[in-house]
């Protein structure tokens, strides 16, 4: 009598929908088409960017709700600008807006590249036209006077408290031209309410829009207690204020390269937003010093752009 031996085959665990999405995204990023695109703009740094992108997507559930092709498309914009997608560095990051799709007649999560103020400084210094660029928060006691004729400000006063007076940005070009822009806290709050997509959300009794005074109180609260860990005005007003005053200064008075003009135009687009997602991210708000030869941000610890 012949004895038959049967070998049991281990059943492979079935991937969840989330795991399948992550695998599909990983395959997309590491496919030849995307890899060739990244290599063409980043060269030897393309592998670092791809690894970082996959890690960001893997740990971001709201990005996983988006079309993977659109996520890659927005990420490649950052690669083209040679800005790393890293929440801690703050050069650039991906936000998810819920945009209204006319054909589907519903809101669709849409990834959007957002450039941080460090990203703007980096791109500006690459032009070789700037000697230095600074931007920061102005606290109570620091502002001594404003010159209405030149637009300059005197910030030689001593800080008296964490109460915010306003925001400033300043640049000097290599030919000696300099310009400063100052916005008071109330001016910044009014600007945010008028132009920010995050305040174009649907108003309900549970989600009313803030007032100028309310945003000012929010900003002062964050100055004392730190940001809430979310992107946007209501999450990190101080960083958004620094970015806004810098962007307005550069777009109005600065020398703009083609990549800067494209980045500014892209950043100023206002999507038909229903709601802005909350993201754990906070940009550092110290004055930035930049090496005029390399465009490298100085006095920022290990926050240097790895793509420079």
C-alpha atoms as a PDB file:
ATOM      1  CA  UNK A   1       0.000   0.000   0.000  1.00  0.00           C
ATOM      2  CA  UNK A   2       1.402   3.391  -1.075  1.00  0.00           C
ATOM      3  CA  UNK A   3       1.201   6.258   1.463  1.00  0.00           C
ATOM      4  CA  UNK A   4       0.621   9.722   0.028  1.00  0.00           C
ATOM      5  CA  UNK A   5       2.088  12.713   1.850  1.00  0.00           C
ATOM      6  CA  UNK A   6       0.281  16.038   1.521  1.00  0.00           C
ATOM      7  CA  UNK A   7       2.217  19.274   2.134  1.00  0.00           C
ATOM      8  CA  UNK A   8       0.133  22.117   3.500  1.00  0.00           C
ATOM      9  CA  UNK A   9       0.583  25.430   1.689  1.00  0.00           C
ATOM     10  CA  UNK A  10       0.565  28.483   3.954  1.00  0.00           C
ATOM     11  CA  UNK A  11      -2.202  30.873   3.027  1.00  0.00           C
ATOM     12  CA  UNK A  12      -0.929  34.362   2.269  1.00  0.00           C
ATOM     13  CA  UNK A  13      -2.629  37.081   4.336  1.00  0.00           C
ATOM     14  CA  UNK A  14      -4.832  39.347   2.251  1.00  0.00           C
ATOM     15  CA  UNK A  15      -3.810  42.997   2.094  1.00  0.00           C
ATOM     16  CA  UNK A  16      -6.173  45.609   3.426  1.00  0.00           C
ATOM     17  CA  UNK A  17      -7.420  48.372   1.145  1.00  0.00           C
ATOM     18  CA  UNK A  18      -4.992  50.800   2.798  1.00  0.00           C
ATOM     19  CA  UNK A  19      -2.054  48.434   2.308  1.00  0.00           C
ATOM     20  CA  UNK A  20      -3.000  47.925  -1.339  1.00  0.00           C
ATOM     21  CA  UNK A  21      -3.034  51.711  -1.851  1.00  0.00           C
ATOM     22  CA  UNK A  22       0.420  52.043  -0.276  1.00  0.00           C
ATOM     23  CA  UNK A  23       1.797  49.212  -2.428  1.00  0.00           C
ATOM     24  CA  UNK A  24       0.320  50.812  -5.565  1.00  0.00           C
ATOM     25  CA  UNK A  25       1.873  54.157  -4.668  1.00  0.00           C
ATOM     26  CA  UNK A  26       5.259  52.580  -3.950  1.00  0.00           C
ATOM     27  CA  UNK A  27       5.172  50.824  -7.322  1.00  0.00           C
ATOM     28  CA  UNK A  28       4.205  54.089  -9.019  1.00  0.00           C
ATOM     29  CA  UNK A  29       7.034  56.085  -7.449  1.00  0.00           C
ATOM     30  CA  UNK A  30       9.634  53.401  -8.117  1.00  0.00           C
ATOM     31  CA  UNK A  31       8.458  52.766 -11.662  1.00  0.00           C
ATOM     32  CA  UNK A  32      10.757  53.707 -14.521  1.00  0.00           C
ATOM     33  CA  UNK A  33       8.642  56.659 -15.704  1.00  0.00           C
ATOM     34  CA  UNK A  34       8.612  58.519 -12.370  1.00  0.00           C
ATOM     35  CA  UNK A  35      12.192  57.533 -11.581  1.00  0.00           C
ATOM     36  CA  UNK A  36      13.387  58.988 -14.874  1.00  0.00           C
ATOM     37  CA  UNK A  37      11.524  62.227 -14.155  1.00  0.00           C
ATOM     38  CA  UNK A  38      13.089  62.519 -10.703  1.00  0.00           C
ATOM     39  CA  UNK A  39      16.567  61.728 -11.976  1.00  0.00           C
ATOM     40  CA  UNK A  40      16.264  64.372 -14.676  1.00  0.00           C
ATOM     41  CA  UNK A  41      15.750  67.131 -12.078  1.00  0.00           C
ATOM     42  CA  UNK A  42      17.484  65.783  -8.967  1.00  0.00           C
ATOM     43  CA  UNK A  43      20.241  63.568 -10.351  1.00  0.00           C
ATOM     44  CA  UNK A  44      21.882  61.516  -7.607  1.00  0.00           C
ATOM     45  CA  UNK A  45      19.412  62.854  -5.010  1.00  0.00           C
ATOM     46  CA  UNK A  46      16.399  61.285  -6.733  1.00  0.00           C
ATOM     47  CA  UNK A  47      16.551  58.155  -4.565  1.00  0.00           C
ATOM     48  CA  UNK A  48      16.420  60.186  -1.345  1.00  0.00           C
ATOM     49  CA  UNK A  49      13.441  62.161  -2.600  1.00  0.00           C
ATOM     50  CA  UNK A  50      11.568  59.009  -3.684  1.00  0.00           C
ATOM     51  CA  UNK A  51      12.170  57.295  -0.341  1.00  0.00           C
ATOM     52  CA  UNK A  52      10.975  60.374   1.533  1.00  0.00           C
ATOM     53  CA  UNK A  53       7.873  60.631  -0.650  1.00  0.00           C
ATOM     54  CA  UNK A  54       6.874  57.001  -0.050  1.00  0.00           C
ATOM     55  CA  UNK A  55       7.390  57.458   3.697  1.00  0.00           C
ATOM     56  CA  UNK A  56       5.218  60.587   3.730  1.00  0.00           C
ATOM     57  CA  UNK A  57       2.448  58.814   1.831  1.00  0.00           C
ATOM     58  CA  UNK A  58       2.636  55.710   4.044  1.00  0.00           C
ATOM     59  CA  UNK A  59       2.141  57.774   7.200  1.00  0.00           C
ATOM     60  CA  UNK A  60      -0.533  60.110   5.854  1.00  0.00           C
ATOM     61  CA  UNK A  61      -4.028  58.628   5.734  1.00  0.00           C
ATOM     62  CA  UNK A  62      -5.550  61.650   4.037  1.00  0.00           C
ATOM     63  CA  UNK A  63      -3.007  61.568   1.222  1.00  0.00           C
ATOM     64  CA  UNK A  64      -3.941  57.918   0.769  1.00  0.00           C
ATOM     65  CA  UNK A  65      -7.490  59.019  -0.049  1.00  0.00           C
ATOM     66  CA  UNK A  66      -6.210  60.979  -3.042  1.00  0.00           C
ATOM     67  CA  UNK A  67      -5.539  59.834  -6.589  1.00  0.00           C
ATOM     68  CA  UNK A  68      -1.970  58.463  -6.459  1.00  0.00           C
ATOM     69  CA  UNK A  69      -1.196  59.998  -9.854  1.00  0.00           C
ATOM     70  CA  UNK A  70      -2.078  63.465  -8.549  1.00  0.00           C
ATOM     71  CA  UNK A  71       0.034  62.948  -5.422  1.00  0.00           C
ATOM     72  CA  UNK A  72       3.018  62.064  -7.594  1.00  0.00           C
ATOM     73  CA  UNK A  73       2.308  65.027  -9.868  1.00  0.00           C
ATOM     74  CA  UNK A  74       2.388  67.479  -6.947  1.00  0.00           C
ATOM     75  CA  UNK A  75       5.520  65.865  -5.532  1.00  0.00           C
ATOM     76  CA  UNK A  76       7.324  66.225  -8.846  1.00  0.00           C
ATOM     77  CA  UNK A  77       6.594  69.965  -8.711  1.00  0.00           C
ATOM     78  CA  UNK A  78       8.597  70.094  -5.474  1.00  0.00           C
ATOM     79  CA  UNK A  79      11.373  68.031  -7.040  1.00  0.00           C
ATOM     80  CA  UNK A  80      11.496  70.395 -10.022  1.00  0.00           C
ATOM     81  CA  UNK A  81      11.945  73.297  -7.589  1.00  0.00           C
ATOM     82  CA  UNK A  82      14.556  71.235  -5.706  1.00  0.00           C
ATOM     83  CA  UNK A  83      12.614  71.589  -2.465  1.00  0.00           C
ATOM     84  CA  UNK A  84      12.451  68.558  -0.164  1.00  0.00           C
ATOM     85  CA  UNK A  85       9.068  67.381   1.068  1.00  0.00           C
ATOM     86  CA  UNK A  86       9.813  67.262   4.770  1.00  0.00           C
ATOM     87  CA  UNK A  87       7.546  68.506   7.523  1.00  0.00           C
ATOM     88  CA  UNK A  88      10.412  69.346   9.840  1.00  0.00           C
ATOM     89  CA  UNK A  89      12.465  71.296   7.294  1.00  0.00           C
ATOM     90  CA  UNK A  90       9.513  73.364   6.153  1.00  0.00           C
ATOM     91  CA  UNK A  91      10.643  74.047   2.594  1.00  0.00           C
ATOM     92  CA  UNK A  92       7.576  72.443   1.033  1.00  0.00           C
ATOM     93  CA  UNK A  93       4.838  70.027   2.016  1.00  0.00           C
ATOM     94  CA  UNK A  94       1.659  68.451   0.670  1.00  0.00           C
ATOM     95  CA  UNK A  95      -1.768  69.546   1.871  1.00  0.00           C
ATOM     96  CA  UNK A  96      -5.070  67.917   0.998  1.00  0.00           C
ATOM     97  CA  UNK A  97      -7.997  70.105   0.023  1.00  0.00           C
ATOM     98  CA  UNK A  98     -11.507  68.824  -0.518  1.00  0.00           C
ATOM     99  CA  UNK A  99     -12.357  70.364  -3.870  1.00  0.00           C
ATOM    100  CA  UNK A 100     -15.731  70.317  -5.545  1.00  0.00           C
ATOM    101  CA  UNK A 101     -15.848  68.020  -8.569  1.00  0.00           C
ATOM    102  CA  UNK A 102     -18.495  69.335 -10.969  1.00  0.00           C
ATOM    103  CA  UNK A 103     -18.789  66.089 -12.912  1.00  0.00           C
ATOM    104  CA  UNK A 104     -19.020  63.826  -9.879  1.00  0.00           C
ATOM    105  CA  UNK A 105     -21.057  66.454  -7.994  1.00  0.00           C
ATOM    106  CA  UNK A 106     -19.181  65.808  -4.778  1.00  0.00           C
ATOM    107  CA  UNK A 107     -16.057  66.872  -2.955  1.00  0.00           C
ATOM    108  CA  UNK A 108     -12.865  65.057  -3.898  1.00  0.00           C
ATOM    109  CA  UNK A 109      -9.672  65.008  -1.777  1.00  0.00           C
ATOM    110  CA  UNK A 110      -7.011  66.782  -3.827  1.00  0.00           C
ATOM    111  CA  UNK A 111      -3.286  66.925  -2.971  1.00  0.00           C
ATOM    112  CA  UNK A 112      -1.702  70.360  -3.295  1.00  0.00           C
ATOM    113  CA  UNK A 113       1.946  71.381  -3.053  1.00  0.00           C
ATOM    114  CA  UNK A 114       2.416  74.176  -0.519  1.00  0.00           C
ATOM    115  CA  UNK A 115       5.705  76.050  -0.332  1.00  0.00           C
ATOM    116  CA  UNK A 116       6.957  77.152   3.077  1.00  0.00           C
ATOM    117  CA  UNK A 117       8.728  80.456   3.638  1.00  0.00           C
ATOM    118  CA  UNK A 118      12.082  78.697   3.780  1.00  0.00           C
ATOM    119  CA  UNK A 119      11.370  77.419   0.296  1.00  0.00           C
ATOM    120  CA  UNK A 120      10.869  80.962  -0.966  1.00  0.00           C
ATOM    121  CA  UNK A 121      14.105  82.102   0.664  1.00  0.00           C
ATOM    122  CA  UNK A 122      15.956  79.187  -0.898  1.00  0.00           C
ATOM    123  CA  UNK A 123      14.658  79.921  -4.392  1.00  0.00           C
ATOM    124  CA  UNK A 124      15.359  83.633  -4.043  1.00  0.00           C
ATOM    125  CA  UNK A 125      18.975  83.084  -2.991  1.00  0.00           C
ATOM    126  CA  UNK A 126      19.546  80.732  -5.924  1.00  0.00           C
ATOM    127  CA  UNK A 127      19.072  83.641  -8.305  1.00  0.00           C
ATOM    128  CA  UNK A 128      22.365  85.117  -7.096  1.00  0.00           C
ATOM    129  CA  UNK A 129      20.728  88.548  -6.890  1.00  0.00           C
ATOM    130  CA  UNK A 130      20.250  88.773  -3.108  1.00  0.00           C
ATOM    131  CA  UNK A 131      22.803  89.508  -0.413  1.00  0.00           C
ATOM    132  CA  UNK A 132      20.455  88.605   2.436  1.00  0.00           C
ATOM    133  CA  UNK A 133      16.794  87.950   3.183  1.00  0.00           C
ATOM    134  CA  UNK A 134      15.162  88.032   6.611  1.00  0.00           C
ATOM    135  CA  UNK A 135      11.606  87.473   7.812  1.00  0.00           C
ATOM    136  CA  UNK A 136      10.192  87.142  11.300  1.00  0.00           C
ATOM    137  CA  UNK A 137       7.550  88.017  13.873  1.00  0.00           C
ATOM    138  CA  UNK A 138       7.701  91.423  15.590  1.00  0.00           C
ATOM    139  CA  UNK A 139       6.861  91.334  19.293  1.00  0.00           C
ATOM    140  CA  UNK A 140       5.754  94.060  21.692  1.00  0.00           C
ATOM    141  CA  UNK A 141       8.547  96.540  22.344  1.00  0.00           C
ATOM    142  CA  UNK A 142      10.714  95.591  19.345  1.00  0.00           C
ATOM    143  CA  UNK A 143       9.218  98.083  16.880  1.00  0.00           C
ATOM    144  CA  UNK A 144      10.563 101.563  17.658  1.00  0.00           C
ATOM    145  CA  UNK A 145       9.294 103.450  14.603  1.00  0.00           C
ATOM    146  CA  UNK A 146       8.186 103.137  11.002  1.00  0.00           C
ATOM    147  CA  UNK A 147       9.369 105.333   8.158  1.00  0.00           C
ATOM    148  CA  UNK A 148       6.358 106.054   5.955  1.00  0.00           C
ATOM    149  CA  UNK A 149       8.528 107.555   3.251  1.00  0.00           C
ATOM    150  CA  UNK A 150      10.880 104.626   2.721  1.00  0.00           C
ATOM    151  CA  UNK A 151       8.807 101.852   4.226  1.00  0.00           C
ATOM    152  CA  UNK A 152      11.692 100.971   6.539  1.00  0.00           C
ATOM    153  CA  UNK A 153      11.271 100.051  10.187  1.00  0.00           C
ATOM    154  CA  UNK A 154      13.419 100.327  13.296  1.00  0.00           C
ATOM    155  CA  UNK A 155      13.431  97.061  15.262  1.00  0.00           C
ATOM    156  CA  UNK A 156      16.095  98.037  17.773  1.00  0.00           C
ATOM    157  CA  UNK A 157      13.713  97.933  20.746  1.00  0.00           C
ATOM    158  CA  UNK A 158      13.792  95.250  23.410  1.00  0.00           C
ATOM    159  CA  UNK A 159      11.134  92.568  23.443  1.00  0.00           C
ATOM    160  CA  UNK A 160       8.737  93.219  26.335  1.00  0.00           C
ATOM    161  CA  UNK A 161       6.378  90.265  26.013  1.00  0.00           C
ATOM    162  CA  UNK A 162       5.132  87.526  23.675  1.00  0.00           C
ATOM    163  CA  UNK A 163       2.361  89.810  22.408  1.00  0.00           C
ATOM    164  CA  UNK A 164       2.592  90.107  18.627  1.00  0.00           C
ATOM    165  CA  UNK A 165       2.833  93.544  17.034  1.00  0.00           C
ATOM    166  CA  UNK A 166       3.208  92.373  13.438  1.00  0.00           C
ATOM    167  CA  UNK A 167       5.409  90.697  10.840  1.00  0.00           C
ATOM    168  CA  UNK A 168       8.260  91.922   8.680  1.00  0.00           C
ATOM    169  CA  UNK A 169      10.294  90.798   5.684  1.00  0.00           C
ATOM    170  CA  UNK A 170      13.445  92.443   4.374  1.00  0.00           C
ATOM    171  CA  UNK A 171      15.892  91.856   1.554  1.00  0.00           C
ATOM    172  CA  UNK A 172      19.026  93.460   0.184  1.00  0.00           C
ATOM    173  CA  UNK A 173      20.255  92.757  -3.336  1.00  0.00           C
ATOM    174  CA  UNK A 174      23.887  92.473  -4.389  1.00  0.00           C
ATOM    175  CA  UNK A 175      23.689  95.904  -6.032  1.00  0.00           C
ATOM    176  CA  UNK A 176      22.682  97.544  -2.743  1.00  0.00           C
ATOM    177  CA  UNK A 177      18.926  97.895  -3.272  1.00  0.00           C
ATOM    178  CA  UNK A 178      16.948  97.010  -0.157  1.00  0.00           C
ATOM    179  CA  UNK A 179      13.279  96.882   0.728  1.00  0.00           C
ATOM    180  CA  UNK A 180      11.254  96.135   3.846  1.00  0.00           C
ATOM    181  CA  UNK A 181       7.598  95.248   4.237  1.00  0.00           C
ATOM    182  CA  UNK A 182       5.811  95.407   7.573  1.00  0.00           C
ATOM    183  CA  UNK A 183       2.275  94.213   8.327  1.00  0.00           C
ATOM    184  CA  UNK A 184       0.600  94.695  11.687  1.00  0.00           C
ATOM    185  CA  UNK A 185      -1.093  91.725  13.322  1.00  0.00           C
ATOM    186  CA  UNK A 186      -4.565  93.083  12.542  1.00  0.00           C
ATOM    187  CA  UNK A 187      -3.573  93.707   8.900  1.00  0.00           C
ATOM    188  CA  UNK A 188      -2.320  90.139   8.638  1.00  0.00           C
ATOM    189  CA  UNK A 189      -5.494  88.729  10.188  1.00  0.00           C
ATOM    190  CA  UNK A 190      -7.664  90.738   7.775  1.00  0.00           C
ATOM    191  CA  UNK A 191      -5.524  89.563   4.847  1.00  0.00           C
ATOM    192  CA  UNK A 192      -5.894  85.929   5.922  1.00  0.00           C
ATOM    193  CA  UNK A 193      -9.671  86.184   6.208  1.00  0.00           C
ATOM    194  CA  UNK A 194      -9.938  87.791   2.775  1.00  0.00           C
ATOM    195  CA  UNK A 195      -7.600  85.582   0.764  1.00  0.00           C
ATOM    196  CA  UNK A 196      -6.995  82.258   2.505  1.00  0.00           C
ATOM    197  CA  UNK A 197      -8.863  79.257   1.050  1.00  0.00           C
ATOM    198  CA  UNK A 198      -9.159  77.824   4.567  1.00  0.00           C
ATOM    199  CA  UNK A 199     -11.658  80.563   5.423  1.00  0.00           C
ATOM    200  CA  UNK A 200     -13.809  79.892   2.374  1.00  0.00           C
ATOM    201  CA  UNK A 201     -15.253  76.802   3.991  1.00  0.00           C
ATOM    202  CA  UNK A 202     -18.936  76.219   4.497  1.00  0.00           C
ATOM    203  CA  UNK A 203     -20.094  78.089   7.580  1.00  0.00           C
ATOM    204  CA  UNK A 204     -22.159  76.166  10.116  1.00  0.00           C
ATOM    205  CA  UNK A 205     -23.143  76.870  13.737  1.00  0.00           C
ATOM    206  CA  UNK A 206     -20.387  74.469  14.781  1.00  0.00           C
ATOM    207  CA  UNK A 207     -17.742  75.905  12.420  1.00  0.00           C
ATOM    208  CA  UNK A 208     -18.190  79.698  12.267  1.00  0.00           C
ATOM    209  CA  UNK A 209     -15.597  81.857  10.572  1.00  0.00           C
ATOM    210  CA  UNK A 210     -13.302  83.745  12.953  1.00  0.00           C
ATOM    211  CA  UNK A 211     -13.181  87.516  13.157  1.00  0.00           C
ATOM    212  CA  UNK A 212     -10.081  89.698  12.838  1.00  0.00           C
ATOM    213  CA  UNK A 213      -9.991  90.134  16.611  1.00  0.00           C
ATOM    214  CA  UNK A 214     -10.494  86.411  17.071  1.00  0.00           C
ATOM    215  CA  UNK A 215      -7.544  85.591  14.813  1.00  0.00           C
ATOM    216  CA  UNK A 216      -5.383  88.123  16.640  1.00  0.00           C
ATOM    217  CA  UNK A 217      -6.216  86.455  19.944  1.00  0.00           C
ATOM    218  CA  UNK A 218      -5.468  83.067  18.379  1.00  0.00           C
ATOM    219  CA  UNK A 219      -2.081  84.275  17.137  1.00  0.00           C
ATOM    220  CA  UNK A 220      -1.120  85.667  20.531  1.00  0.00           C
ATOM    221  CA  UNK A 221      -2.176  82.428  22.167  1.00  0.00           C
ATOM    222  CA  UNK A 222       0.087  80.470  19.821  1.00  0.00           C
ATOM    223  CA  UNK A 223       2.939  82.905  20.499  1.00  0.00           C
ATOM    224  CA  UNK A 224       2.722  81.970  24.173  1.00  0.00           C
ATOM    225  CA  UNK A 225       1.828  78.278  23.936  1.00  0.00           C
ATOM    226  CA  UNK A 226       3.198  77.249  20.540  1.00  0.00           C
ATOM    227  CA  UNK A 227       1.377  76.149  17.376  1.00  0.00           C
ATOM    228  CA  UNK A 228      -1.347  73.531  17.560  1.00  0.00           C
ATOM    229  CA  UNK A 229       0.509  71.172  15.227  1.00  0.00           C
ATOM    230  CA  UNK A 230      -1.685  71.876  12.217  1.00  0.00           C
ATOM    231  CA  UNK A 231      -0.971  73.547   8.893  1.00  0.00           C
ATOM    232  CA  UNK A 232      -2.757  76.789   8.151  1.00  0.00           C
ATOM    233  CA  UNK A 233      -3.697  80.032   9.851  1.00  0.00           C
ATOM    234  CA  UNK A 234      -5.715  78.478  12.649  1.00  0.00           C
ATOM    235  CA  UNK A 235      -2.985  75.911  13.318  1.00  0.00           C
ATOM    236  CA  UNK A 236       0.192  77.987  12.991  1.00  0.00           C
ATOM    237  CA  UNK A 237      -0.652  81.644  12.441  1.00  0.00           C
ATOM    238  CA  UNK A 238       2.889  82.853  13.066  1.00  0.00           C
ATOM    239  CA  UNK A 239       4.486  80.749  10.340  1.00  0.00           C
ATOM    240  CA  UNK A 240       1.742  81.658   7.886  1.00  0.00           C
ATOM    241  CA  UNK A 241       2.225  85.330   8.711  1.00  0.00           C
ATOM    242  CA  UNK A 242       5.985  85.152   8.120  1.00  0.00           C
ATOM    243  CA  UNK A 243       5.433  83.356   4.824  1.00  0.00           C
ATOM    244  CA  UNK A 244       2.772  85.828   3.690  1.00  0.00           C
ATOM    245  CA  UNK A 245       4.767  88.997   4.377  1.00  0.00           C
ATOM    246  CA  UNK A 246       7.826  87.484   2.671  1.00  0.00           C
ATOM    247  CA  UNK A 247       5.857  86.353  -0.356  1.00  0.00           C
ATOM    248  CA  UNK A 248       4.211  89.762  -0.739  1.00  0.00           C
ATOM    249  CA  UNK A 249       7.572  91.529  -0.479  1.00  0.00           C
ATOM    250  CA  UNK A 250       9.279  89.328  -3.054  1.00  0.00           C
ATOM    251  CA  UNK A 251       6.382  89.352  -5.512  1.00  0.00           C
ATOM    252  CA  UNK A 252       6.071  93.158  -5.404  1.00  0.00           C
ATOM    253  CA  UNK A 253       9.666  94.366  -5.133  1.00  0.00           C
ATOM    254  CA  UNK A 254      12.036  91.430  -5.526  1.00  0.00           C
ATOM    255  CA  UNK A 255      13.943  89.932  -8.424  1.00  0.00           C
ATOM    256  CA  UNK A 256      12.020  86.836  -9.513  1.00  0.00           C
ATOM    257  CA  UNK A 257      13.442  83.928 -11.450  1.00  0.00           C
ATOM    258  CA  UNK A 258      11.191  81.897 -13.732  1.00  0.00           C
ATOM    259  CA  UNK A 259      10.886  79.164 -11.103  1.00  0.00           C
ATOM    260  CA  UNK A 260       9.936  81.733  -8.454  1.00  0.00           C
ATOM    261  CA  UNK A 261       7.264  83.276 -10.677  1.00  0.00           C
ATOM    262  CA  UNK A 262       5.841  79.818 -11.300  1.00  0.00           C
ATOM    263  CA  UNK A 263       5.910  78.941  -7.601  1.00  0.00           C
ATOM    264  CA  UNK A 264       4.229  82.207  -6.607  1.00  0.00           C
ATOM    265  CA  UNK A 265       1.516  81.780  -9.219  1.00  0.00           C
ATOM    266  CA  UNK A 266       0.903  78.188  -8.125  1.00  0.00           C
ATOM    267  CA  UNK A 267       0.836  79.097  -4.443  1.00  0.00           C
ATOM    268  CA  UNK A 268      -1.620  81.939  -4.965  1.00  0.00           C
ATOM    269  CA  UNK A 269      -4.221  79.778  -6.690  1.00  0.00           C
ATOM    270  CA  UNK A 270      -7.417  79.533  -4.726  1.00  0.00           C
ATOM    271  CA  UNK A 271      -9.079  76.136  -5.150  1.00  0.00           C
ATOM    272  CA  UNK A 272     -12.814  75.731  -4.609  1.00  0.00           C
ATOM    273  CA  UNK A 273     -12.301  74.525  -1.105  1.00  0.00           C
ATOM    274  CA  UNK A 274     -14.946  72.933   1.081  1.00  0.00           C
ATOM    275  CA  UNK A 275     -12.597  72.119   3.906  1.00  0.00           C
ATOM    276  CA  UNK A 276      -8.880  72.216   4.585  1.00  0.00           C
ATOM    277  CA  UNK A 277      -7.369  69.174   6.202  1.00  0.00           C
ATOM    278  CA  UNK A 278      -5.482  69.295   9.466  1.00  0.00           C
ATOM    279  CA  UNK A 279      -1.859  68.203   9.221  1.00  0.00           C
ATOM    280  CA  UNK A 280       0.729  67.784  11.920  1.00  0.00           C
ATOM    281  CA  UNK A 281       3.314  70.324  10.902  1.00  0.00           C
ATOM    282  CA  UNK A 282       4.876  73.489  12.170  1.00  0.00           C
ATOM    283  CA  UNK A 283       7.406  75.759  10.529  1.00  0.00           C
ATOM    284  CA  UNK A 284      10.161  77.296  12.627  1.00  0.00           C
ATOM    285  CA  UNK A 285       9.841  81.038  13.042  1.00  0.00           C
ATOM    286  CA  UNK A 286      13.367  82.288  13.697  1.00  0.00           C
ATOM    287  CA  UNK A 287      15.099  84.896  11.545  1.00  0.00           C
ATOM    288  CA  UNK A 288      16.751  83.139   8.637  1.00  0.00           C
ATOM    289  CA  UNK A 289      20.293  83.950   7.566  1.00  0.00           C
ATOM    290  CA  UNK A 290      21.444  82.768   4.161  1.00  0.00           C
ATOM    291  CA  UNK A 291      24.868  82.220   2.634  1.00  0.00           C
ATOM    292  CA  UNK A 292      24.957  84.643  -0.316  1.00  0.00           C
ATOM    293  CA  UNK A 293      27.216  82.357  -2.347  1.00  0.00           C
ATOM    294  CA  UNK A 294      25.396  79.045  -1.974  1.00  0.00           C
ATOM    295  CA  UNK A 295      21.903  80.045  -0.930  1.00  0.00           C
ATOM    296  CA  UNK A 296      22.262  77.741   2.078  1.00  0.00           C
ATOM    297  CA  UNK A 297      20.246  78.613   5.172  1.00  0.00           C
ATOM    298  CA  UNK A 298      22.574  79.237   8.103  1.00  0.00           C
ATOM    299  CA  UNK A 299      22.041  79.005  11.840  1.00  0.00           C
ATOM    300  CA  UNK A 300      19.335  76.432  11.382  1.00  0.00           C
ATOM    301  CA  UNK A 301      20.885  73.326  12.907  1.00  0.00           C
ATOM    302  CA  UNK A 302      20.564  70.351  10.591  1.00  0.00           C
ATOM    303  CA  UNK A 303      17.778  71.907   8.550  1.00  0.00           C
ATOM    304  CA  UNK A 304      19.797  72.428   5.386  1.00  0.00           C
ATOM    305  CA  UNK A 305      18.192  71.486   2.099  1.00  0.00           C
ATOM    306  CA  UNK A 306      19.660  68.095   1.124  1.00  0.00           C
ATOM    307  CA  UNK A 307      19.029  68.849  -2.537  1.00  0.00           C
ATOM    308  CA  UNK A 308      21.326  71.871  -2.613  1.00  0.00           C
END
